[in-house]
Amino acid sequence: MTKRIGILYFSPTNTTKKICRAVALGMGAKPADAGHDFSRYPSGNNR
């Protein structure tokens, strides 16, 4: 499921990054992880 969602995070637009952050917070991730780990490792954020 994470890998599937991660595909959306590959979009280079700022809007997608904001959505990525919002979704990450919804999944219980820290704001810092949403900004850094999601952009670099979209499918490996559950660590």
Protein backbone atom coordinates (compact mmCIF):
# COMPACT_ATOMS: atom_id res chain seq x y z
CA MET A 1 0.00 0.00 0.00
CA THR A 2 2.84 2.36 0.83
CA LYS A 3 4.50 1.69 -2.51
CA ARG A 4 1.29 2.45 -4.33
CA ILE A 5 0.92 5.78 -2.51
CA GLY A 6 4.61 6.50 -3.05
CA ILE A 7 4.12 6.71 -6.80
CA LEU A 8 2.09 9.87 -6.31
CA TYR A 9 4.99 11.47 -4.48
CA PHE A 10 7.24 11.29 -7.53
CA SER A 11 5.52 14.34 -9.01
CA PRO A 12 7.91 17.35 -8.84
CA THR A 13 5.17 19.90 -8.20
CA ASN A 14 4.95 21.75 -4.90
CA THR A 15 1.26 20.95 -4.69
CA THR A 16 2.01 17.25 -4.61
CA LYS A 17 4.60 17.79 -1.89
CA LYS A 18 1.99 19.54 0.22
CA ILE A 19 -0.47 16.69 -0.35
CA CYS A 20 2.28 14.22 0.47
CA ARG A 21 2.88 16.02 3.73
CA ALA A 22 -0.80 16.08 4.62
CA VAL A 23 -1.19 12.37 3.86
CA ALA A 24 1.93 11.59 5.86
CA LEU A 25 0.58 13.43 8.87
CA GLY A 26 -2.67 11.53 8.44
CA MET A 27 -0.75 8.25 8.52
CA GLY A 28 0.98 9.31 11.72
CA ALA A 29 4.33 10.38 10.27
CA LYS A 30 6.32 13.30 11.64
CA PRO A 31 6.30 16.56 9.63
CA ALA A 32 10.07 16.29 9.14
CA ASP A 33 9.75 12.77 7.75
CA ALA A 34 6.99 13.88 5.41
CA GLY A 35 9.17 16.62 3.96
CA HIS A 36 12.43 14.70 3.64
CA ASP A 37 11.92 10.94 3.61
CA PHE A 38 8.83 10.98 1.41
CA SER A 39 10.54 12.98 -1.31
CA ARG A 40 13.67 10.81 -1.34
CA TYR A 41 12.28 7.45 -0.30
CA PRO A 42 8.56 7.46 -1.15
CA SER A 43 8.20 3.72 -0.61
CA GLY A 44 10.51 3.42 2.41
CA ASN A 45 8.99 5.86 4.86
CA ASN A 46 7.93 3.34 7.50
CA ARG A 47 11.10 3.12 9.58
